[in-house]
N, C-alpha and C. Protein backbone atom coordinates (compact mmCIF):
# COMPACT_ATOMS: atom_id res chain seq x y z
N MET A 1 0.09 -1.81 6.82
CA MET A 1 1.20 -2.68 6.50
C MET A 1 1.88 -2.19 5.21
N THR A 2 3.15 -2.14 5.25
CA THR A 2 3.94 -1.76 4.08
C THR A 2 4.28 -3.02 3.30
N TYR A 3 4.16 -2.97 1.96
CA TYR A 3 4.44 -4.16 1.15
C TYR A 3 4.75 -3.78 -0.29
N TYR A 4 5.29 -4.77 -1.03
CA TYR A 4 5.50 -4.65 -2.47
C TYR A 4 4.82 -5.82 -3.14
N ASP A 5 3.83 -5.53 -3.97
CA ASP A 5 3.13 -6.54 -4.75
C ASP A 5 3.81 -6.59 -6.12
N ARG A 6 4.67 -7.60 -6.32
CA ARG A 6 5.45 -7.70 -7.56
C ARG A 6 4.55 -7.91 -8.78
N GLU A 7 3.50 -8.67 -8.62
CA GLU A 7 2.61 -8.96 -9.75
C GLU A 7 1.93 -7.68 -10.25
N ALA A 8 1.47 -6.86 -9.34
CA ALA A 8 0.81 -5.61 -9.71
C ALA A 8 1.80 -4.45 -9.87
N ASP A 9 3.04 -4.65 -9.40
CA ASP A 9 4.10 -3.63 -9.41
C ASP A 9 3.66 -2.39 -8.64
N ILE A 10 3.12 -2.65 -7.44
CA ILE A 10 2.63 -1.59 -6.56
C ILE A 10 3.30 -1.71 -5.20
N VAL A 11 3.75 -0.58 -4.68
CA VAL A 11 4.27 -0.51 -3.30
C VAL A 11 3.28 0.30 -2.49
N TYR A 12 3.00 -0.19 -1.28
CA TYR A 12 2.17 0.58 -0.35
C TYR A 12 2.97 0.81 0.92
N PHE A 13 3.09 2.07 1.30
CA PHE A 13 3.74 2.44 2.55
C PHE A 13 2.68 2.92 3.52
N GLU A 14 2.52 2.22 4.63
CA GLU A 14 1.60 2.68 5.67
C GLU A 14 2.37 3.64 6.56
N VAL A 15 1.88 4.86 6.66
CA VAL A 15 2.53 5.88 7.48
C VAL A 15 2.01 5.81 8.90
N GLN A 16 0.71 5.68 9.03
CA GLN A 16 0.09 5.48 10.34
C GLN A 16 -1.23 4.75 10.15
N ASN A 17 -1.65 4.08 11.18
CA ASN A 17 -2.88 3.29 11.14
C ASN A 17 -4.08 4.24 11.20
N ALA A 18 -5.08 3.96 10.39
CA ALA A 18 -6.30 4.78 10.38
C ALA A 18 -7.51 3.89 10.17
N ASP A 19 -8.60 4.20 10.87
CA ASP A 19 -9.83 3.44 10.71
C ASP A 19 -10.44 3.67 9.34
N ALA A 20 -10.35 4.89 8.85
CA ALA A 20 -10.91 5.23 7.55
C ALA A 20 -9.99 6.22 6.86
N ALA A 21 -9.95 6.14 5.55
CA ALA A 21 -9.11 7.06 4.78
C ALA A 21 -9.77 7.32 3.44
N ARG A 22 -9.43 8.46 2.87
CA ARG A 22 -9.86 8.75 1.50
C ARG A 22 -8.60 8.86 0.66
N SER A 23 -8.70 8.43 -0.58
CA SER A 23 -7.54 8.41 -1.47
C SER A 23 -7.60 9.57 -2.45
N VAL A 24 -6.46 10.20 -2.64
CA VAL A 24 -6.31 11.28 -3.60
C VAL A 24 -5.33 10.79 -4.67
N GLU A 25 -5.76 10.80 -5.92
CA GLU A 25 -4.91 10.31 -7.00
C GLU A 25 -3.82 11.33 -7.33
N HIS A 26 -2.64 10.81 -7.57
CA HIS A 26 -1.49 11.60 -7.96
C HIS A 26 -0.90 10.95 -9.20
N VAL A 27 0.01 11.61 -9.92
CA VAL A 27 0.56 11.03 -11.15
C VAL A 27 1.31 9.73 -10.90
N TRP A 28 1.84 9.51 -9.72
CA TRP A 28 2.61 8.31 -9.40
C TRP A 28 1.84 7.28 -8.61
N GLY A 29 0.59 7.61 -8.18
CA GLY A 29 -0.18 6.65 -7.39
C GLY A 29 -1.26 7.33 -6.58
N LEU A 30 -1.36 6.92 -5.30
CA LEU A 30 -2.40 7.44 -4.42
C LEU A 30 -1.80 7.94 -3.11
N ILE A 31 -2.42 8.97 -2.57
CA ILE A 31 -2.11 9.45 -1.23
C ILE A 31 -3.36 9.17 -0.40
N ASP A 32 -3.23 8.38 0.67
CA ASP A 32 -4.36 8.11 1.56
C ASP A 32 -4.32 9.10 2.71
N LEU A 33 -5.46 9.76 2.92
CA LEU A 33 -5.56 10.77 3.97
C LEU A 33 -6.56 10.31 5.02
N GLY A 34 -6.19 10.47 6.28
CA GLY A 34 -7.09 10.14 7.38
C GLY A 34 -8.14 11.23 7.54
N GLY A 35 -9.03 11.02 8.49
CA GLY A 35 -10.11 11.97 8.74
C GLY A 35 -9.64 13.36 9.10
N ASP A 36 -8.46 13.45 9.67
CA ASP A 36 -7.91 14.76 10.05
C ASP A 36 -7.08 15.39 8.94
N GLY A 37 -7.03 14.73 7.77
CA GLY A 37 -6.29 15.26 6.63
C GLY A 37 -4.82 14.91 6.59
N GLN A 38 -4.34 14.17 7.60
CA GLN A 38 -2.94 13.77 7.60
C GLN A 38 -2.72 12.55 6.73
N VAL A 39 -1.53 12.45 6.14
CA VAL A 39 -1.18 11.31 5.29
C VAL A 39 -1.09 10.06 6.15
N VAL A 40 -1.83 9.02 5.74
CA VAL A 40 -1.78 7.74 6.45
C VAL A 40 -1.18 6.64 5.59
N GLY A 41 -1.06 6.88 4.28
CA GLY A 41 -0.46 5.88 3.41
C GLY A 41 -0.14 6.45 2.04
N LEU A 42 0.81 5.79 1.37
CA LEU A 42 1.22 6.16 0.02
C LEU A 42 1.26 4.90 -0.83
N GLU A 43 0.65 4.94 -2.01
CA GLU A 43 0.67 3.81 -2.92
C GLU A 43 1.37 4.25 -4.21
N TYR A 44 2.44 3.56 -4.55
CA TYR A 44 3.21 3.88 -5.76
C TYR A 44 2.89 2.86 -6.85
N TRP A 45 2.41 3.36 -8.01
CA TRP A 45 2.18 2.52 -9.18
C TRP A 45 3.46 2.45 -9.98
N ASP A 46 3.63 1.39 -10.77
CA ASP A 46 4.85 1.20 -11.57
C ASP A 46 6.08 1.35 -10.69
N ALA A 47 6.02 0.70 -9.53
CA ALA A 47 7.04 0.86 -8.51
C ALA A 47 8.44 0.50 -9.00
N SER A 48 8.56 -0.50 -9.86
CA SER A 48 9.88 -0.92 -10.34
C SER A 48 10.54 0.16 -11.20
N GLU A 49 9.74 1.08 -11.72
CA GLU A 49 10.28 2.19 -12.52
C GLU A 49 10.54 3.43 -11.67
N ARG A 50 9.97 3.49 -10.47
CA ARG A 50 10.03 4.70 -9.66
C ARG A 50 10.89 4.58 -8.41
N LEU A 51 11.07 3.36 -7.92
CA LEU A 51 11.77 3.18 -6.65
C LEU A 51 12.99 2.28 -6.82
N PRO A 52 14.01 2.44 -5.97
CA PRO A 52 15.23 1.63 -6.10
C PRO A 52 14.97 0.14 -5.87
N GLU A 53 15.64 -0.70 -6.64
CA GLU A 53 15.50 -2.16 -6.52
C GLU A 53 15.86 -2.63 -5.12
N GLU A 54 16.83 -1.97 -4.48
CA GLU A 54 17.23 -2.36 -3.12
C GLU A 54 16.06 -2.21 -2.15
N LEU A 55 15.28 -1.16 -2.33
CA LEU A 55 14.11 -0.94 -1.48
C LEU A 55 13.05 -1.99 -1.79
N LEU A 56 12.75 -2.20 -3.07
CA LEU A 56 11.73 -3.18 -3.45
C LEU A 56 12.07 -4.56 -2.92
N GLY A 57 13.35 -4.94 -3.00
CA GLY A 57 13.77 -6.25 -2.53
C GLY A 57 13.65 -6.41 -1.02
N ALA A 58 13.66 -5.31 -0.29
CA ALA A 58 13.58 -5.37 1.18
C ALA A 58 12.15 -5.40 1.69
N LEU A 59 11.18 -5.09 0.82
CA LEU A 59 9.78 -5.04 1.27
C LEU A 59 9.13 -6.42 1.19
N PRO A 60 8.26 -6.73 2.15
CA PRO A 60 7.54 -8.02 2.11
C PRO A 60 6.44 -8.00 1.06
N ALA A 61 6.01 -9.19 0.68
CA ALA A 61 4.84 -9.34 -0.19
C ALA A 61 3.59 -9.02 0.62
N PRO A 62 2.49 -8.66 -0.04
CA PRO A 62 1.26 -8.40 0.71
C PRO A 62 0.74 -9.69 1.33
N LYS A 63 0.09 -9.54 2.47
CA LYS A 63 -0.51 -10.71 3.11
C LYS A 63 -1.75 -11.11 2.32
N PRO A 64 -1.97 -12.41 2.15
CA PRO A 64 -3.19 -12.84 1.45
C PRO A 64 -4.41 -12.49 2.27
N PRO A 65 -5.55 -12.25 1.61
CA PRO A 65 -6.78 -11.93 2.36
C PRO A 65 -7.18 -13.08 3.26
N VAL A 66 -7.77 -12.76 4.38
CA VAL A 66 -8.23 -13.77 5.32
C VAL A 66 -9.54 -14.32 4.80
N GLU A 67 -9.61 -15.64 4.65
CA GLU A 67 -10.83 -16.26 4.15
C GLU A 67 -11.75 -16.63 5.31
N ALA A 68 -13.01 -16.38 5.11
CA ALA A 68 -14.00 -16.75 6.12
C ALA A 68 -14.21 -18.25 6.07
N THR A 69 -14.32 -18.85 7.21
CA THR A 69 -14.57 -20.30 7.26
C THR A 69 -16.04 -20.54 7.56
N ALA A 70 -16.60 -21.52 6.89
CA ALA A 70 -18.00 -21.85 7.09
C ALA A 70 -18.17 -22.60 8.40
N ALA A 71 -19.21 -22.30 9.12
CA ALA A 71 -19.51 -23.00 10.38
C ALA A 71 -19.99 -24.41 10.06
N SER A 72 -19.52 -25.37 10.81
CA SER A 72 -19.94 -26.76 10.57
C SER A 72 -21.10 -27.14 11.41
């Protein structure tokens, strides 16, 4: 899922879905690589300084984590 977290000032672009990925740090954020070495995601730190406001405004907020419900 692609999103912009305004509080953390981080943008994540999902390029393709992957079951597992490893992250490689870059000066602007992270590059997520799938098992085959292809890019599956990009995370930009300090997004408001690196990306256009028009883009940031068009991105959704991250979805909140799903909470587990206790069995009654």
